[in-house]
Amino acid sequence: MRFRRLVAFHEAGRCVVAWDAGLRLPRVSIYPEEHTRGRILVGQDFPEGPSTDERSDQHVYLRLLAAGPLAVVMAGGRLPDDPQVGIEIDSRRIAVLARRAGLEIDAVFRETAVRLAYLWEPVEALVNSLLMRETVSGALAARIIRATHPGPALQ
């Protein structure tokens, strides 16, 4: 799988999971910047506290991190070993943050994989748009996802 397409699946997977979690995204991009090959902007950092709301936010944040590598693998790609790529670094970061939050990492990956499989059509549509444009506004990404969403959300 070409590297640019791999990055598009990584970012599209994250974007769709963010949308599914109700987060508003300013933009999603596969344009290389500073230290990344692509990014989604969600405007939040990993919550530190132990309150119920923050634990819920931690769970959402971990699903966002897991969605990128999972989307790459689900698309038939392979996670690169190059630590400069960022995708491989996400996997390590997920493990560290899951331990800190007291969450089971396998459960986070399983849950995220189920959501991505259910929302795969929007992921592919967003990948196609990213490959044509490199950067997509959050509003356009939401329109693409809604236009290809398979139906009511799973509970």
C-alpha atoms as a PDB file:
ATOM      1  CA  MET A   1       0.000   0.000   0.000  1.00  0.00           C
ATOM      2  CA  ARG A   2       1.404   3.384  -0.939  1.00  0.00           C
ATOM      3  CA  PHE A   3       2.479   5.515   2.000  1.00  0.00           C
ATOM      4  CA  ARG A   4       0.173   8.434   1.174  1.00  0.00           C
ATOM      5  CA  ARG A   5      -2.838   6.109   1.082  1.00  0.00           C
ATOM      6  CA  LEU A   6      -1.743   4.544   4.382  1.00  0.00           C
ATOM      7  CA  VAL A   7      -1.679   7.998   6.016  1.00  0.00           C
ATOM      8  CA  ALA A   8      -5.101   8.784   4.509  1.00  0.00           C
ATOM      9  CA  PHE A   9      -6.610   5.640   6.070  1.00  0.00           C
ATOM     10  CA  HIS A  10      -4.932   6.464   9.390  1.00  0.00           C
ATOM     11  CA  GLU A  11      -6.389   9.985   9.525  1.00  0.00           C
ATOM     12  CA  ALA A  12      -9.785   9.051   8.036  1.00  0.00           C
ATOM     13  CA  GLY A  13     -10.224   6.288  10.611  1.00  0.00           C
ATOM     14  CA  ARG A  14      -9.541   8.741  13.394  1.00  0.00           C
ATOM     15  CA  CYS A  15     -11.830  11.353  11.896  1.00  0.00           C
ATOM     16  CA  VAL A  16     -14.774   8.967  11.569  1.00  0.00           C
ATOM     17  CA  VAL A  17     -14.333   7.702  15.147  1.00  0.00           C
ATOM     18  CA  ALA A  18     -14.137  11.320  16.376  1.00  0.00           C
ATOM     19  CA  TRP A  19     -17.331  12.153  14.471  1.00  0.00           C
ATOM     20  CA  ASP A  20     -18.982   9.015  15.893  1.00  0.00           C
ATOM     21  CA  ALA A  21     -18.040  10.188  19.411  1.00  0.00           C
ATOM     22  CA  GLY A  22     -19.703  13.554  18.773  1.00  0.00           C
ATOM     23  CA  LEU A  23     -16.512  15.612  18.546  1.00  0.00           C
ATOM     24  CA  ARG A  24     -16.372  18.592  16.198  1.00  0.00           C
ATOM     25  CA  LEU A  25     -13.266  18.628  14.052  1.00  0.00           C
ATOM     26  CA  PRO A  26     -11.805  21.801  12.540  1.00  0.00           C
ATOM     27  CA  ARG A  27      -9.975  19.804   9.859  1.00  0.00           C
ATOM     28  CA  VAL A  28      -8.328  16.550   8.818  1.00  0.00           C
ATOM     29  CA  SER A  29      -5.189  16.514   6.715  1.00  0.00           C
ATOM     30  CA  ILE A  30      -2.653  14.205   5.107  1.00  0.00           C
ATOM     31  CA  TYR A  31      -0.397  17.140   4.294  1.00  0.00           C
ATOM     32  CA  PRO A  32       2.998  16.606   5.982  1.00  0.00           C
ATOM     33  CA  GLU A  33       3.607  19.174   8.717  1.00  0.00           C
ATOM     34  CA  GLU A  34       6.545  19.619  11.090  1.00  0.00           C
ATOM     35  CA  HIS A  35       6.749  16.230  12.806  1.00  0.00           C
ATOM     36  CA  THR A  36       3.659  14.479  11.380  1.00  0.00           C
ATOM     37  CA  ARG A  37       2.580  12.980   8.060  1.00  0.00           C
ATOM     38  CA  GLY A  38      -1.049  13.986   8.671  1.00  0.00           C
ATOM     39  CA  ARG A  39      -3.348  14.973  11.491  1.00  0.00           C
ATOM     40  CA  ILE A  40      -6.805  15.562  12.784  1.00  0.00           C
ATOM     41  CA  LEU A  41      -7.398  18.455  15.114  1.00  0.00           C
ATOM     42  CA  VAL A  42      -9.660  17.736  18.067  1.00  0.00           C
ATOM     43  CA  GLY A  43      -8.595  20.513  20.430  1.00  0.00           C
ATOM     44  CA  GLN A  44      -8.164  18.389  23.531  1.00  0.00           C
ATOM     45  CA  ASP A  45      -5.388  16.615  25.394  1.00  0.00           C
ATOM     46  CA  PHE A  46      -5.575  13.402  27.354  1.00  0.00           C
ATOM     47  CA  PRO A  47      -7.627  14.078  30.519  1.00  0.00           C
ATOM     48  CA  GLU A  48      -5.621  13.491  33.689  1.00  0.00           C
ATOM     49  CA  GLY A  49      -8.212  13.242  36.466  1.00  0.00           C
ATOM     50  CA  PRO A  50     -10.062  10.251  37.905  1.00  0.00           C
ATOM     51  CA  SER A  51     -13.635  11.641  37.717  1.00  0.00           C
ATOM     52  CA  THR A  52     -16.289   9.710  35.810  1.00  0.00           C
ATOM     53  CA  ASP A  53     -16.512  12.363  33.077  1.00  0.00           C
ATOM     54  CA  GLU A  54     -12.762  12.424  32.622  1.00  0.00           C
ATOM     55  CA  ARG A  55     -12.593   8.617  32.476  1.00  0.00           C
ATOM     56  CA  SER A  56     -15.206   8.738  29.733  1.00  0.00           C
ATOM     57  CA  ASP A  57     -13.117  11.357  27.914  1.00  0.00           C
ATOM     58  CA  GLN A  58     -10.036   9.171  28.357  1.00  0.00           C
ATOM     59  CA  HIS A  59     -11.883   6.288  26.734  1.00  0.00           C
ATOM     60  CA  VAL A  60     -12.875   8.463  23.744  1.00  0.00           C
ATOM     61  CA  TYR A  61      -9.322   9.763  23.396  1.00  0.00           C
ATOM     62  CA  LEU A  62      -7.913   6.224  23.403  1.00  0.00           C
ATOM     63  CA  ARG A  63     -10.423   5.168  20.754  1.00  0.00           C
ATOM     64  CA  LEU A  64      -9.246   8.088  18.599  1.00  0.00           C
ATOM     65  CA  LEU A  65      -5.634   6.966  18.954  1.00  0.00           C
ATOM     66  CA  ALA A  66      -6.486   3.325  18.257  1.00  0.00           C
ATOM     67  CA  ALA A  67      -8.587   4.148  15.193  1.00  0.00           C
ATOM     68  CA  GLY A  68      -5.600   5.280  13.114  1.00  0.00           C
ATOM     69  CA  PRO A  69      -3.481   2.114  13.275  1.00  0.00           C
ATOM     70  CA  LEU A  70      -6.592  -0.089  13.129  1.00  0.00           C
ATOM     71  CA  ALA A  71      -7.833   1.614   9.952  1.00  0.00           C
ATOM     72  CA  VAL A  72      -4.449   1.039   8.310  1.00  0.00           C
ATOM     73  CA  VAL A  73      -4.516  -2.662   9.169  1.00  0.00           C
ATOM     74  CA  MET A  74      -8.186  -3.028   8.175  1.00  0.00           C
ATOM     75  CA  ALA A  75      -7.380  -1.483   4.786  1.00  0.00           C
ATOM     76  CA  GLY A  76      -4.759  -4.161   4.198  1.00  0.00           C
ATOM     77  CA  GLY A  77      -1.770  -2.033   5.079  1.00  0.00           C
ATOM     78  CA  ARG A  78       1.084  -2.689   7.450  1.00  0.00           C
ATOM     79  CA  LEU A  79       2.193  -0.428  10.261  1.00  0.00           C
ATOM     80  CA  PRO A  80       5.602   1.006   9.416  1.00  0.00           C
ATOM     81  CA  ASP A  81       8.540   0.405  11.750  1.00  0.00           C
ATOM     82  CA  ASP A  82       9.993   3.869  11.139  1.00  0.00           C
ATOM     83  CA  PRO A  83       9.492   5.858  14.375  1.00  0.00           C
ATOM     84  CA  GLN A  84       9.469   9.097  12.362  1.00  0.00           C
ATOM     85  CA  VAL A  85       6.182   8.109  10.754  1.00  0.00           C
ATOM     86  CA  GLY A  86       4.073   8.648  13.850  1.00  0.00           C
ATOM     87  CA  ILE A  87       1.666   5.767  13.312  1.00  0.00           C
ATOM     88  CA  GLU A  88       3.918   3.325  15.136  1.00  0.00           C
ATOM     89  CA  ILE A  89       4.409   5.840  17.930  1.00  0.00           C
ATOM     90  CA  ASP A  90       0.618   6.026  18.395  1.00  0.00           C
ATOM     91  CA  SER A  91       0.534   2.332  19.302  1.00  0.00           C
ATOM     92  CA  ARG A  92       3.054   2.858  22.089  1.00  0.00           C
ATOM     93  CA  ARG A  93       1.238   5.970  23.290  1.00  0.00           C
ATOM     94  CA  ILE A  94      -2.052   4.053  23.450  1.00  0.00           C
ATOM     95  CA  ALA A  95      -0.506   1.447  25.750  1.00  0.00           C
ATOM     96  CA  VAL A  96       0.967   4.079  28.089  1.00  0.00           C
ATOM     97  CA  LEU A  97      -2.240   6.146  28.260  1.00  0.00           C
ATOM     98  CA  ALA A  98      -4.452   3.067  28.738  1.00  0.00           C
ATOM     99  CA  ARG A  99      -2.353   1.954  31.703  1.00  0.00           C
ATOM    100  CA  ARG A 100      -2.512   5.463  33.185  1.00  0.00           C
ATOM    101  CA  ALA A 101      -6.310   5.531  32.785  1.00  0.00           C
ATOM    102  CA  GLY A 102      -6.743   2.024  34.168  1.00  0.00           C
ATOM    103  CA  LEU A 103      -8.407   0.873  30.948  1.00  0.00           C
ATOM    104  CA  GLU A 104      -7.914  -2.493  29.291  1.00  0.00           C
ATOM    105  CA  ILE A 105      -6.087  -1.854  26.009  1.00  0.00           C
ATOM    106  CA  ASP A 106      -7.469  -4.979  24.308  1.00  0.00           C
ATOM    107  CA  ALA A 107     -11.029  -3.849  25.026  1.00  0.00           C
ATOM    108  CA  VAL A 108     -10.297  -0.386  23.575  1.00  0.00           C
ATOM    109  CA  PHE A 109      -8.923  -1.932  20.365  1.00  0.00           C
ATOM    110  CA  ARG A 110     -11.805  -4.420  20.042  1.00  0.00           C
ATOM    111  CA  GLU A 111     -14.450  -1.746  20.565  1.00  0.00           C
ATOM    112  CA  THR A 112     -12.736   0.595  18.110  1.00  0.00           C
ATOM    113  CA  ALA A 113     -12.381  -2.167  15.498  1.00  0.00           C
ATOM    114  CA  VAL A 114     -16.117  -2.908  15.714  1.00  0.00           C
ATOM    115  CA  ARG A 115     -16.959   0.792  15.261  1.00  0.00           C
ATOM    116  CA  LEU A 116     -14.581   1.127  12.315  1.00  0.00           C
ATOM    117  CA  ALA A 117     -15.976  -1.982  10.620  1.00  0.00           C
ATOM    118  CA  TYR A 118     -19.482  -0.585  11.018  1.00  0.00           C
ATOM    119  CA  LEU A 119     -18.398   2.823   9.673  1.00  0.00           C
ATOM    120  CA  TRP A 120     -16.014   1.557   6.980  1.00  0.00           C
ATOM    121  CA  GLU A 121     -17.894   3.106   4.039  1.00  0.00           C
ATOM    122  CA  PRO A 122     -17.460   6.647   5.427  1.00  0.00           C
ATOM    123  CA  VAL A 123     -13.776   5.898   6.103  1.00  0.00           C
ATOM    124  CA  GLU A 124     -13.224   4.927   2.456  1.00  0.00           C
ATOM    125  CA  ALA A 125     -15.143   7.970   1.183  1.00  0.00           C
ATOM    126  CA  LEU A 126     -13.058  10.264   3.365  1.00  0.00           C
ATOM    127  CA  VAL A 127      -9.834   8.567   2.193  1.00  0.00           C
ATOM    128  CA  ASN A 128     -10.781   9.296  -1.418  1.00  0.00           C
ATOM    129  CA  SER A 129     -11.455  12.934  -0.582  1.00  0.00           C
ATOM    130  CA  LEU A 130      -8.168  13.264   1.335  1.00  0.00           C
ATOM    131  CA  LEU A 131      -6.198  11.762  -1.533  1.00  0.00           C
ATOM    132  CA  MET A 132      -7.697  14.348  -3.902  1.00  0.00           C
ATOM    133  CA  ARG A 133      -7.507  17.392  -1.630  1.00  0.00           C
ATOM    134  CA  GLU A 134      -4.900  16.608   1.094  1.00  0.00           C
ATOM    135  CA  THR A 135      -6.837  18.717   3.634  1.00  0.00           C
ATOM    136  CA  VAL A 136     -10.569  18.566   4.322  1.00  0.00           C
ATOM    137  CA  SER A 137     -12.455  20.929   6.602  1.00  0.00           C
ATOM    138  CA  GLY A 138     -14.329  19.438   9.526  1.00  0.00           C
ATOM    139  CA  ALA A 139     -17.638  20.527   7.992  1.00  0.00           C
ATOM    140  CA  LEU A 140     -16.874  18.770   4.693  1.00  0.00           C
ATOM    141  CA  ALA A 141     -15.643  15.657   6.530  1.00  0.00           C
ATOM    142  CA  ALA A 142     -18.928  15.549   8.484  1.00  0.00           C
ATOM    143  CA  ARG A 143     -20.928  15.882   5.246  1.00  0.00           C
ATOM    144  CA  ILE A 144     -18.955  13.047   3.640  1.00  0.00           C
ATOM    145  CA  ILE A 145     -19.474  10.830   6.678  1.00  0.00           C
ATOM    146  CA  ARG A 146     -23.205  11.578   6.932  1.00  0.00           C
ATOM    147  CA  ALA A 147     -23.687  10.989   3.183  1.00  0.00           C
ATOM    148  CA  THR A 148     -22.147   7.507   3.398  1.00  0.00           C
ATOM    149  CA  HIS A 149     -23.141   6.483   6.932  1.00  0.00           C
ATOM    150  CA  PRO A 150     -24.853   3.073   6.866  1.00  0.00           C
ATOM    151  CA  GLY A 151     -27.621   3.891   9.341  1.00  0.00           C
ATOM    152  CA  PRO A 152     -28.370   4.395  13.029  1.00  0.00           C
ATOM    153  CA  ALA A 153     -25.419   4.055  15.396  1.00  0.00           C
ATOM    154  CA  LEU A 154     -24.754   0.793  17.200  1.00  0.00           C
ATOM    155  CA  GLN A 155     -25.375   0.842  20.924  1.00  0.00           C
END
